Amino acid sequence: MPTIDILGVSHAYELTLPVAAKPSSPVLVFIHGWLLSRQYWQPLIQFISSEYQCLLYDLRGFGESQTKSVDSVKVGERSNLEFTLAAYAKDLKLLLQELAIDRAWLIGHSLGGSIALWAADCCPELVEGVICLNSGGGIYLKEEFERFRNAGQQLVRYRPIWLSYLPLIDLIFARMMVARPLSSNWGRQRVIDFVRADKQAALGALLDSTTEAEVHFLPQLVSRLKQPVYFVAGAQDKVMELKYVHHLASFHYLFEQDGSNVLEIADCGHLAMVEQPEKVARVIIKILQQYSSV
């Protein structure tokens, strides 16, 4: 597994070598969601990686990109301790620069979708387009957000280290947030990533991305993006419901034209890249073909 240092944190990543990619094709960069890792993109990229070069990486504090302790971080690297959407977008920009990637489409899941939007805004010279998967928002409902934030904090703060040894825990995690149960190996992966996530990163990403100011800023961000932005939603997604996906998408110029930047995947919950990888791959390729160089 290759790693690369970004602001003092070793980031785990994978960069595929496509067989049939055109020289003019952009690199597809996949950004995972909260308490997940790059592993969840594997079912999807097997349908894409022959035609496009794909970059998968673990966000700082998640998967195998674990942070250093506060005491070990140098003074000039204090930004490592920020877990805002803007900070993660900066990480991504530096990652692209380190890997000499100057043309990219960003594909972000859930929280990763918000990071992708921020990255498109901060480095338009590198990002040609964005596809948000199971990602939306822009509506702040105070009571609902407070319940969500409190529940998330409790989950992270009181994760028992012995959780992964509980009988049937894999089956429980395989049924969470999906339209139909996943295989037990995906339940196991979700347990691993849930337990492994850095506490500071998990709490920071949760709390910073769900403030009233941050939620209300996201539509403004989408409205000023010049790149194409698409939203792929799970028809049975109970975490990011369709109404929130359509709401955020409505601020982009493509929605104003004909509403074609929202695409729904049937029989699909919040983990579309694992639940319906082939369908999602077809949608992504169709979008990219619209912008391919002749």
C-alpha atoms as a PDB file:
ATOM      1  CA  MET A   1       0.000   0.000   0.000  1.00  0.00           C
ATOM      2  CA  PRO A   2       1.609   3.296  -1.067  1.00  0.00           C
ATOM      3  CA  THR A   3       1.436   6.322   1.218  1.00  0.00           C
ATOM      4  CA  ILE A   4       2.144   9.999   0.767  1.00  0.00           C
ATOM      5  CA  ASP A   5       2.788  12.677   3.363  1.00  0.00           C
ATOM      6  CA  ILE A   6       0.252  15.502   3.389  1.00  0.00           C
ATOM      7  CA  LEU A   7       0.891  18.171   6.034  1.00  0.00           C
ATOM      8  CA  GLY A   8       2.588  15.678   8.316  1.00  0.00           C
ATOM      9  CA  VAL A   9       0.020  12.890   7.974  1.00  0.00           C
ATOM     10  CA  SER A  10       0.762   9.724   6.027  1.00  0.00           C
ATOM     11  CA  HIS A  11      -2.140   9.210   3.614  1.00  0.00           C
ATOM     12  CA  ALA A  12      -2.866   5.751   2.245  1.00  0.00           C
ATOM     13  CA  TYR A  13      -3.873   5.748  -1.403  1.00  0.00           C
ATOM     14  CA  GLU A  14      -4.263   3.588  -4.503  1.00  0.00           C
ATOM     15  CA  LEU A  15      -3.772   4.786  -8.077  1.00  0.00           C
ATOM     16  CA  THR A  16      -4.933   2.397 -10.767  1.00  0.00           C
ATOM     17  CA  LEU A  17      -3.309   1.915 -14.153  1.00  0.00           C
ATOM     18  CA  PRO A  18      -6.069   1.762 -16.781  1.00  0.00           C
ATOM     19  CA  VAL A  19      -5.735  -0.445 -19.847  1.00  0.00           C
ATOM     20  CA  ALA A  20      -7.847   1.497 -22.303  1.00  0.00           C
ATOM     21  CA  ALA A  21      -7.814   5.066 -20.993  1.00  0.00           C
ATOM     22  CA  LYS A  22      -7.538   7.864 -23.549  1.00  0.00           C
ATOM     23  CA  PRO A  23      -4.623  10.273 -23.027  1.00  0.00           C
ATOM     24  CA  SER A  24      -7.175  13.070 -22.693  1.00  0.00           C
ATOM     25  CA  SER A  25      -9.153  11.363 -19.931  1.00  0.00           C
ATOM     26  CA  PRO A  26      -9.157  12.934 -16.462  1.00  0.00           C
ATOM     27  CA  VAL A  27      -8.258  10.997 -13.329  1.00  0.00           C
ATOM     28  CA  LEU A  28     -11.274   9.986 -11.230  1.00  0.00           C
ATOM     29  CA  VAL A  29     -10.715  10.774  -7.557  1.00  0.00           C
ATOM     30  CA  PHE A  30     -12.917   8.951  -5.041  1.00  0.00           C
ATOM     31  CA  ILE A  31     -13.592  10.495  -1.607  1.00  0.00           C
ATOM     32  CA  HIS A  32     -15.229   8.323   1.042  1.00  0.00           C
ATOM     33  CA  GLY A  33     -17.725   9.322   3.710  1.00  0.00           C
ATOM     34  CA  TRP A  34     -17.745   9.631   7.484  1.00  0.00           C
ATOM     35  CA  LEU A  35     -16.442   6.597   9.446  1.00  0.00           C
ATOM     36  CA  LEU A  36     -15.675   4.776   6.194  1.00  0.00           C
ATOM     37  CA  SER A  37     -12.522   4.270   4.094  1.00  0.00           C
ATOM     38  CA  ARG A  38     -11.334   3.919   0.515  1.00  0.00           C
ATOM     39  CA  GLN A  39     -12.227   0.208   0.574  1.00  0.00           C
ATOM     40  CA  TYR A  40     -15.897   0.879  -0.238  1.00  0.00           C
ATOM     41  CA  TRP A  41     -15.028   2.102  -3.723  1.00  0.00           C
ATOM     42  CA  GLN A  42     -13.547  -1.230  -4.831  1.00  0.00           C
ATOM     43  CA  PRO A  43     -16.834  -2.761  -6.139  1.00  0.00           C
ATOM     44  CA  LEU A  44     -17.458   0.374  -8.201  1.00  0.00           C
ATOM     45  CA  ILE A  45     -14.042   0.944  -9.730  1.00  0.00           C
ATOM     46  CA  GLN A  46     -13.854  -2.595 -11.082  1.00  0.00           C
ATOM     47  CA  PHE A  47     -16.415  -1.393 -13.655  1.00  0.00           C
ATOM     48  CA  ILE A  48     -14.540   1.859 -14.359  1.00  0.00           C
ATOM     49  CA  SER A  49     -10.809   1.366 -13.886  1.00  0.00           C
ATOM     50  CA  SER A  50     -10.201  -0.214 -17.294  1.00  0.00           C
ATOM     51  CA  GLU A  51     -11.198   3.052 -18.998  1.00  0.00           C
ATOM     52  CA  TYR A  52     -10.230   5.665 -16.415  1.00  0.00           C
ATOM     53  CA  GLN A  53      -7.360   6.059 -14.011  1.00  0.00           C
ATOM     54  CA  CYS A  54      -8.773   6.038 -10.488  1.00  0.00           C
ATOM     55  CA  LEU A  55      -7.350   7.503  -7.294  1.00  0.00           C
ATOM     56  CA  LEU A  56      -8.674   6.195  -3.980  1.00  0.00           C
ATOM     57  CA  TYR A  57      -7.408   7.489  -0.667  1.00  0.00           C
ATOM     58  CA  ASP A  58      -8.243   7.503   3.025  1.00  0.00           C
ATOM     59  CA  LEU A  59      -9.172  10.848   4.508  1.00  0.00           C
ATOM     60  CA  ARG A  60      -7.006  12.127   7.341  1.00  0.00           C
ATOM     61  CA  GLY A  61      -7.968  10.263  10.509  1.00  0.00           C
ATOM     62  CA  PHE A  62      -9.903   7.487   8.742  1.00  0.00           C
ATOM     63  CA  GLY A  63      -8.974   4.116   7.306  1.00  0.00           C
ATOM     64  CA  GLU A  64      -5.206   3.797   7.146  1.00  0.00           C
ATOM     65  CA  SER A  65      -4.503   7.548   7.097  1.00  0.00           C
ATOM     66  CA  GLN A  66      -4.150   7.890  10.838  1.00  0.00           C
ATOM     67  CA  THR A  67      -3.169  11.170  12.472  1.00  0.00           C
ATOM     68  CA  LYS A  68      -0.279  11.836  14.806  1.00  0.00           C
ATOM     69  CA  SER A  69      -0.806  12.741  18.418  1.00  0.00           C
ATOM     70  CA  VAL A  70      -1.003  16.445  19.248  1.00  0.00           C
ATOM     71  CA  ASP A  71       2.441  16.364  20.891  1.00  0.00           C
ATOM     72  CA  SER A  72       4.125  14.920  17.803  1.00  0.00           C
ATOM     73  CA  VAL A  73       2.772  17.496  15.353  1.00  0.00           C
ATOM     74  CA  LYS A  74       5.232  20.226  14.469  1.00  0.00           C
ATOM     75  CA  VAL A  75       4.286  23.862  14.989  1.00  0.00           C
ATOM     76  CA  GLY A  76       4.119  24.439  11.230  1.00  0.00           C
ATOM     77  CA  GLU A  77       1.732  21.508  10.851  1.00  0.00           C
ATOM     78  CA  ARG A  78      -0.981  22.629  13.266  1.00  0.00           C
ATOM     79  CA  SER A  79      -3.459  22.700  10.387  1.00  0.00           C
ATOM     80  CA  ASN A  80      -3.398  18.903  10.639  1.00  0.00           C
ATOM     81  CA  LEU A  81      -5.623  19.269  13.672  1.00  0.00           C
ATOM     82  CA  GLU A  82      -8.433  20.907  11.690  1.00  0.00           C
ATOM     83  CA  PHE A  83     -11.168  18.625  10.416  1.00  0.00           C
ATOM     84  CA  THR A  84     -13.315  21.079   8.517  1.00  0.00           C
ATOM     85  CA  LEU A  85     -14.537  20.556   4.972  1.00  0.00           C
ATOM     86  CA  ALA A  86     -12.122  23.293   3.893  1.00  0.00           C
ATOM     87  CA  ALA A  87      -9.185  21.530   5.573  1.00  0.00           C
ATOM     88  CA  TYR A  88     -10.000  18.226   3.896  1.00  0.00           C
ATOM     89  CA  ALA A  89     -10.333  20.021   0.558  1.00  0.00           C
ATOM     90  CA  LYS A  90      -6.862  21.483   1.108  1.00  0.00           C
ATOM     91  CA  ASP A  91      -5.532  17.972   1.807  1.00  0.00           C
ATOM     92  CA  LEU A  92      -6.995  16.815  -1.489  1.00  0.00           C
ATOM     93  CA  LYS A  93      -5.503  19.699  -3.430  1.00  0.00           C
ATOM     94  CA  LEU A  94      -2.057  18.913  -2.024  1.00  0.00           C
ATOM     95  CA  LEU A  95      -2.533  15.208  -2.781  1.00  0.00           C
ATOM     96  CA  LEU A  96      -3.331  15.973  -6.429  1.00  0.00           C
ATOM     97  CA  GLN A  97      -0.313  18.235  -6.680  1.00  0.00           C
ATOM     98  CA  GLU A  98       2.007  15.673  -5.098  1.00  0.00           C
ATOM     99  CA  LEU A  99       0.819  13.025  -7.565  1.00  0.00           C
ATOM    100  CA  ALA A 100       1.091  15.466 -10.488  1.00  0.00           C
ATOM    101  CA  ILE A 101      -2.604  15.118 -11.334  1.00  0.00           C
ATOM    102  CA  ASP A 102      -3.693  18.249 -13.184  1.00  0.00           C
ATOM    103  CA  ARG A 103      -7.074  17.056 -14.479  1.00  0.00           C
ATOM    104  CA  ALA A 104      -9.558  15.374 -12.173  1.00  0.00           C
ATOM    105  CA  TRP A 105     -13.206  14.571 -11.687  1.00  0.00           C
ATOM    106  CA  LEU A 106     -14.112  14.198  -8.016  1.00  0.00           C
ATOM    107  CA  ILE A 107     -16.565  11.535  -6.899  1.00  0.00           C
ATOM    108  CA  GLY A 108     -17.531  11.942  -3.244  1.00  0.00           C
ATOM    109  CA  HIS A 109     -19.814   9.862  -1.059  1.00  0.00           C
ATOM    110  CA  SER A 110     -21.918  11.543   1.654  1.00  0.00           C
ATOM    111  CA  LEU A 111     -19.456  13.719   3.639  1.00  0.00           C
ATOM    112  CA  GLY A 112     -17.005  13.087   0.798  1.00  0.00           C
ATOM    113  CA  GLY A 113     -19.439  14.796  -1.563  1.00  0.00           C
ATOM    114  CA  SER A 114     -19.267  17.982   0.490  1.00  0.00           C
ATOM    115  CA  ILE A 115     -15.470  17.764   0.516  1.00  0.00           C
ATOM    116  CA  ALA A 116     -15.523  17.353  -3.272  1.00  0.00           C
ATOM    117  CA  LEU A 117     -17.603  20.511  -3.650  1.00  0.00           C
ATOM    118  CA  TRP A 118     -15.202  22.469  -1.469  1.00  0.00           C
ATOM    119  CA  ALA A 119     -12.230  21.130  -3.423  1.00  0.00           C
ATOM    120  CA  ALA A 120     -13.834  22.090  -6.736  1.00  0.00           C
ATOM    121  CA  ASP A 121     -14.209  25.611  -5.407  1.00  0.00           C
ATOM    122  CA  CYS A 122     -10.677  25.929  -4.012  1.00  0.00           C
ATOM    123  CA  CYS A 123      -8.837  24.460  -7.010  1.00  0.00           C
ATOM    124  CA  PRO A 124     -10.909  24.911 -10.192  1.00  0.00           C
ATOM    125  CA  GLU A 125      -7.704  24.668 -12.234  1.00  0.00           C
ATOM    126  CA  LEU A 126      -7.445  20.983 -11.246  1.00  0.00           C
ATOM    127  CA  VAL A 127     -11.070  19.888 -10.891  1.00  0.00           C
ATOM    128  CA  GLU A 128     -13.119  19.538 -14.078  1.00  0.00           C
ATOM    129  CA  GLY A 129     -16.297  18.242 -12.487  1.00  0.00           C
ATOM    130  CA  VAL A 130     -17.929  16.695  -9.434  1.00  0.00           C
ATOM    131  CA  ILE A 131     -20.253  13.756  -8.855  1.00  0.00           C
ATOM    132  CA  CYS A 132     -21.843  13.657  -5.400  1.00  0.00           C
ATOM    133  CA  LEU A 133     -23.046  10.211  -4.351  1.00  0.00           C
ATOM    134  CA  ASN A 134     -25.655   9.959  -1.561  1.00  0.00           C
ATOM    135  CA  SER A 135     -24.815  13.572  -0.784  1.00  0.00           C
ATOM    136  CA  GLY A 136     -26.965  16.669  -0.526  1.00  0.00           C
ATOM    137  CA  GLY A 137     -28.154  19.100   2.130  1.00  0.00           C
ATOM    138  CA  GLY A 138     -28.381  22.825   2.547  1.00  0.00           C
ATOM    139  CA  ILE A 139     -31.440  22.740   4.811  1.00  0.00           C
ATOM    140  CA  TYR A 140     -30.804  23.258   8.524  1.00  0.00           C
ATOM    141  CA  LEU A 141     -33.430  21.760  10.821  1.00  0.00           C
ATOM    142  CA  LYS A 142     -32.269  22.655  14.319  1.00  0.00           C
ATOM    143  CA  GLU A 143     -33.845  19.839  16.341  1.00  0.00           C
ATOM    144  CA  GLU A 144     -32.984  17.125  13.811  1.00  0.00           C
ATOM    145  CA  PHE A 145     -29.399  18.271  13.512  1.00  0.00           C
ATOM    146  CA  GLU A 146     -28.980  18.454  17.270  1.00  0.00           C
ATOM    147  CA  ARG A 147     -30.245  14.887  17.626  1.00  0.00           C
ATOM    148  CA  PHE A 148     -27.957  13.728  14.829  1.00  0.00           C
ATOM    149  CA  ARG A 149     -24.911  15.481  16.300  1.00  0.00           C
ATOM    150  CA  ASN A 150     -25.589  14.159  19.787  1.00  0.00           C
ATOM    151  CA  ALA A 151     -26.096  10.603  18.549  1.00  0.00           C
ATOM    152  CA  GLY A 152     -22.926  10.794  16.468  1.00  0.00           C
ATOM    153  CA  GLN A 153     -20.884  12.076  19.393  1.00  0.00           C
ATOM    154  CA  GLN A 154     -22.120   9.279  21.611  1.00  0.00           C
ATOM    155  CA  LEU A 155     -21.264   6.680  18.971  1.00  0.00           C
ATOM    156  CA  VAL A 156     -17.712   7.958  18.573  1.00  0.00           C
ATOM    157  CA  ARG A 157     -16.893   8.707  22.193  1.00  0.00           C
ATOM    158  CA  TYR A 158     -18.143   5.444  23.626  1.00  0.00           C
ATOM    159  CA  ARG A 159     -17.008   2.946  21.009  1.00  0.00           C
ATOM    160  CA  PRO A 160     -15.862  -0.136  22.930  1.00  0.00           C
ATOM    161  CA  ILE A 161     -12.588  -1.598  21.703  1.00  0.00           C
ATOM    162  CA  TRP A 162     -14.130  -5.041  22.026  1.00  0.00           C
ATOM    163  CA  LEU A 163     -17.015  -4.196  19.670  1.00  0.00           C
ATOM    164  CA  SER A 164     -15.541  -6.127  16.757  1.00  0.00           C
ATOM    165  CA  TYR A 165     -15.597  -9.327  18.831  1.00  0.00           C
ATOM    166  CA  LEU A 166     -19.329  -9.277  19.561  1.00  0.00           C
ATOM    167  CA  PRO A 167     -21.300 -12.169  18.027  1.00  0.00           C
ATOM    168  CA  LEU A 168     -23.362 -11.155  14.984  1.00  0.00           C
ATOM    169  CA  ILE A 169     -21.990  -7.594  14.983  1.00  0.00           C
ATOM    170  CA  ASP A 170     -21.002  -7.973  11.305  1.00  0.00           C
ATOM    171  CA  LEU A 171     -24.594  -8.809  10.391  1.00  0.00           C
ATOM    172  CA  ILE A 172     -25.882  -5.770  12.282  1.00  0.00           C
ATOM    173  CA  PHE A 173     -23.520  -3.391  10.496  1.00  0.00           C
ATOM    174  CA  ALA A 174     -24.338  -5.060   7.151  1.00  0.00           C
ATOM    175  CA  ARG A 175     -27.960  -3.952   7.573  1.00  0.00           C
ATOM    176  CA  MET A 176     -27.362  -0.337   8.565  1.00  0.00           C
ATOM    177  CA  MET A 177     -28.312   2.469   6.122  1.00  0.00           C
ATOM    178  CA  VAL A 178     -28.878   0.162   3.138  1.00  0.00           C
ATOM    179  CA  ALA A 179     -31.957  -0.887   1.171  1.00  0.00           C
ATOM    180  CA  ARG A 180     -31.043  -4.560   1.435  1.00  0.00           C
ATOM    181  CA  PRO A 181     -28.494  -6.280   3.697  1.00  0.00           C
ATOM    182  CA  LEU A 182     -24.936  -6.336   2.446  1.00  0.00           C
ATOM    183  CA  SER A 183     -22.753  -9.427   2.627  1.00  0.00           C
ATOM    184  CA  SER A 184     -21.181 -10.090   6.024  1.00  0.00           C
ATOM    185  CA  ASN A 185     -17.714  -9.131   4.769  1.00  0.00           C
ATOM    186  CA  TRP A 186     -18.958  -5.583   4.236  1.00  0.00           C
ATOM    187  CA  GLY A 187     -20.435  -5.645   7.703  1.00  0.00           C
ATOM    188  CA  ARG A 188     -16.981  -6.622   8.984  1.00  0.00           C
ATOM    189  CA  GLN A 189     -15.327  -3.805   7.013  1.00  0.00           C
ATOM    190  CA  ARG A 190     -17.753  -1.274   8.459  1.00  0.00           C
ATOM    191  CA  VAL A 191     -16.996  -2.474  11.991  1.00  0.00           C
ATOM    192  CA  ILE A 192     -13.252  -2.197  11.337  1.00  0.00           C
ATOM    193  CA  ASP A 193     -13.522   1.351  10.002  1.00  0.00           C
ATOM    194  CA  PHE A 194     -15.909   2.411  12.756  1.00  0.00           C
ATOM    195  CA  VAL A 195     -13.547   1.260  15.482  1.00  0.00           C
ATOM    196  CA  ARG A 196     -10.359   2.431  13.732  1.00  0.00           C
ATOM    197  CA  ALA A 197     -11.441   6.014  12.977  1.00  0.00           C
ATOM    198  CA  ASP A 198      -9.445   8.591  14.929  1.00  0.00           C
ATOM    199  CA  LYS A 199     -11.633  10.100  17.646  1.00  0.00           C
ATOM    200  CA  GLN A 200     -10.544  13.670  17.032  1.00  0.00           C
ATOM    201  CA  ALA A 201     -11.065  13.349  13.286  1.00  0.00           C
ATOM    202  CA  ALA A 202     -14.436  11.618  13.598  1.00  0.00           C
ATOM    203  CA  LEU A 203     -15.805  14.200  16.035  1.00  0.00           C
ATOM    204  CA  GLY A 204     -14.276  17.138  14.202  1.00  0.00           C
ATOM    205  CA  ALA A 205     -15.617  16.116  10.799  1.00  0.00           C
ATOM    206  CA  LEU A 206     -19.065  15.470  12.262  1.00  0.00           C
ATOM    207  CA  LEU A 207     -19.362  18.679  14.270  1.00  0.00           C
ATOM    208  CA  ASP A 208     -17.701  21.056  11.809  1.00  0.00           C
ATOM    209  CA  SER A 209     -19.730  19.879   8.812  1.00  0.00           C
ATOM    210  CA  THR A 210     -23.120  20.094  10.548  1.00  0.00           C
ATOM    211  CA  THR A 211     -23.092  23.610  12.015  1.00  0.00           C
ATOM    212  CA  GLU A 212     -25.878  25.927  10.895  1.00  0.00           C
ATOM    213  CA  ALA A 213     -23.371  28.190   9.138  1.00  0.00           C
ATOM    214  CA  GLU A 214     -21.757  25.282   7.273  1.00  0.00           C
ATOM    215  CA  VAL A 215     -25.080  23.790   6.184  1.00  0.00           C
ATOM    216  CA  HIS A 216     -26.355  27.136   4.906  1.00  0.00           C
ATOM    217  CA  PHE A 217     -23.088  27.880   3.104  1.00  0.00           C
ATOM    218  CA  LEU A 218     -23.158  24.713   0.998  1.00  0.00           C
ATOM    219  CA  PRO A 219     -25.870  25.954  -1.432  1.00  0.00           C
ATOM    220  CA  GLN A 220     -23.905  29.184  -1.910  1.00  0.00           C
ATOM    221  CA  LEU A 221     -20.852  27.124  -2.742  1.00  0.00           C
ATOM    222  CA  VAL A 222     -22.739  25.009  -5.282  1.00  0.00           C
ATOM    223  CA  SER A 223     -24.267  28.081  -6.917  1.00  0.00           C
ATOM    224  CA  ARG A 224     -20.872  29.599  -7.712  1.00  0.00           C
ATOM    225  CA  LEU A 225     -19.211  26.491  -9.138  1.00  0.00           C
ATOM    226  CA  LYS A 226     -18.499  26.756 -12.845  1.00  0.00           C
ATOM    227  CA  GLN A 227     -17.730  23.067 -13.275  1.00  0.00           C
ATOM    228  CA  PRO A 228     -20.490  20.526 -13.962  1.00  0.00           C
ATOM    229  CA  VAL A 229     -21.864  19.007 -10.755  1.00  0.00           C
ATOM    230  CA  TYR A 230     -24.072  15.913 -10.632  1.00  0.00           C
ATOM    231  CA  PHE A 231     -25.899  14.285  -7.750  1.00  0.00           C
ATOM    232  CA  VAL A 232     -26.517  10.510  -7.701  1.00  0.00           C
ATOM    233  CA  ALA A 233     -29.051   9.467  -5.072  1.00  0.00           C
ATOM    234  CA  GLY A 234     -30.323   6.196  -3.638  1.00  0.00           C
ATOM    235  CA  ALA A 235     -34.091   5.972  -4.031  1.00  0.00           C
ATOM    236  CA  GLN A 236     -34.371   4.356  -0.573  1.00  0.00           C
ATOM    237  CA  ASP A 237     -31.703   6.429   1.146  1.00  0.00           C
ATOM    238  CA  LYS A 238     -32.971   7.261   4.654  1.00  0.00           C
ATOM    239  CA  VAL A 239     -29.786   9.089   5.680  1.00  0.00           C
ATOM    240  CA  MET A 240     -29.660  11.565   2.783  1.00  0.00           C
ATOM    241  CA  GLU A 241     -33.228  11.671   1.546  1.00  0.00           C
ATOM    242  CA  LEU A 242     -34.041  12.593  -2.024  1.00  0.00           C
ATOM    243  CA  LYS A 243     -35.580  15.936  -1.065  1.00  0.00           C
ATOM    244  CA  TYR A 244     -32.241  17.083   0.396  1.00  0.00           C
ATOM    245  CA  VAL A 245     -30.338  15.917  -2.665  1.00  0.00           C
ATOM    246  CA  HIS A 246     -32.698  17.795  -4.992  1.00  0.00           C
ATOM    247  CA  HIS A 247     -32.528  20.865  -2.789  1.00  0.00           C
ATOM    248  CA  LEU A 248     -28.752  21.177  -2.961  1.00  0.00           C
ATOM    249  CA  ALA A 249     -28.652  20.263  -6.653  1.00  0.00           C
ATOM    250  CA  SER A 250     -31.179  23.005  -7.431  1.00  0.00           C
ATOM    251  CA  PHE A 251     -28.566  25.687  -6.748  1.00  0.00           C
ATOM    252  CA  HIS A 252     -26.339  24.556  -9.606  1.00  0.00           C
ATOM    253  CA  TYR A 253     -26.684  25.919 -13.124  1.00  0.00           C
ATOM    254  CA  LEU A 254     -27.296  22.447 -14.609  1.00  0.00           C
ATOM    255  CA  PHE A 255     -30.432  22.040 -12.499  1.00  0.00           C
ATOM    256  CA  GLU A 256     -31.639  25.457 -13.567  1.00  0.00           C
ATOM    257  CA  GLN A 257     -31.291  24.403 -17.194  1.00  0.00           C
ATOM    258  CA  ASP A 258     -33.280  21.176 -17.144  1.00  0.00           C
ATOM    259  CA  GLY A 259     -32.879  19.434 -13.778  1.00  0.00           C
ATOM    260  CA  SER A 260     -30.777  16.713 -15.369  1.00  0.00           C
ATOM    261  CA  ASN A 261     -28.014  16.831 -12.758  1.00  0.00           C
ATOM    262  CA  VAL A 262     -29.940  14.591 -10.317  1.00  0.00           C
ATOM    263  CA  LEU A 263     -30.007  10.864 -11.037  1.00  0.00           C
ATOM    264  CA  GLU A 264     -31.722   8.276  -8.853  1.00  0.00           C
ATOM    265  CA  ILE A 265     -30.637   4.670  -8.353  1.00  0.00           C
ATOM    266  CA  ALA A 266     -33.488   2.257  -7.629  1.00  0.00           C
ATOM    267  CA  ASP A 267     -33.341  -0.322  -4.825  1.00  0.00           C
ATOM    268  CA  CYS A 268     -30.528   1.585  -3.175  1.00  0.00           C
ATOM    269  CA  GLY A 269     -29.876   3.074   0.245  1.00  0.00           C
ATOM    270  CA  HIS A 270     -26.993   5.207   1.536  1.00  0.00           C
ATOM    271  CA  LEU A 271     -24.101   3.042   0.287  1.00  0.00           C
ATOM    272  CA  ALA A 272     -24.759   3.150  -3.446  1.00  0.00           C
ATOM    273  CA  MET A 273     -21.189   2.256  -4.456  1.00  0.00           C
ATOM    274  CA  VAL A 274     -21.512  -1.067  -2.602  1.00  0.00           C
ATOM    275  CA  GLU A 275     -25.227  -1.738  -3.041  1.00  0.00           C
ATOM    276  CA  GLN A 276     -25.480  -1.000  -6.769  1.00  0.00           C
ATOM    277  CA  PRO A 277     -21.924  -0.604  -8.103  1.00  0.00           C
ATOM    278  CA  GLU A 278     -22.669  -1.556 -11.705  1.00  0.00           C
ATOM    279  CA  LYS A 279     -25.606   0.850 -11.984  1.00  0.00           C
ATOM    280  CA  VAL A 280     -23.602   3.665 -10.404  1.00  0.00           C
ATOM    281  CA  ALA A 281     -20.675   2.937 -12.738  1.00  0.00           C
ATOM    282  CA  ARG A 282     -22.946   3.225 -15.785  1.00  0.00           C
ATOM    283  CA  VAL A 283     -24.240   6.580 -14.542  1.00  0.00           C
ATOM    284  CA  ILE A 284     -20.716   7.893 -13.924  1.00  0.00           C
ATOM    285  CA  ILE A 285     -19.420   6.782 -17.324  1.00  0.00           C
ATOM    286  CA  LYS A 286     -22.436   8.306 -19.080  1.00  0.00           C
ATOM    287  CA  ILE A 287     -21.791  11.633 -17.333  1.00  0.00           C
ATOM    288  CA  LEU A 288     -18.107  11.602 -18.180  1.00  0.00           C
ATOM    289  CA  GLN A 289     -18.740  10.772 -21.817  1.00  0.00           C
ATOM    290  CA  GLN A 290     -20.653  14.032 -22.161  1.00  0.00           C
ATOM    291  CA  TYR A 291     -17.461  15.931 -21.397  1.00  0.00           C
ATOM    292  CA  SER A 292     -14.902  13.717 -23.101  1.00  0.00           C
ATOM    293  CA  SER A 293     -12.568  15.336 -25.605  1.00  0.00           C
ATOM    294  CA  VAL A 294     -13.186  14.467 -29.225  1.00  0.00           C
END
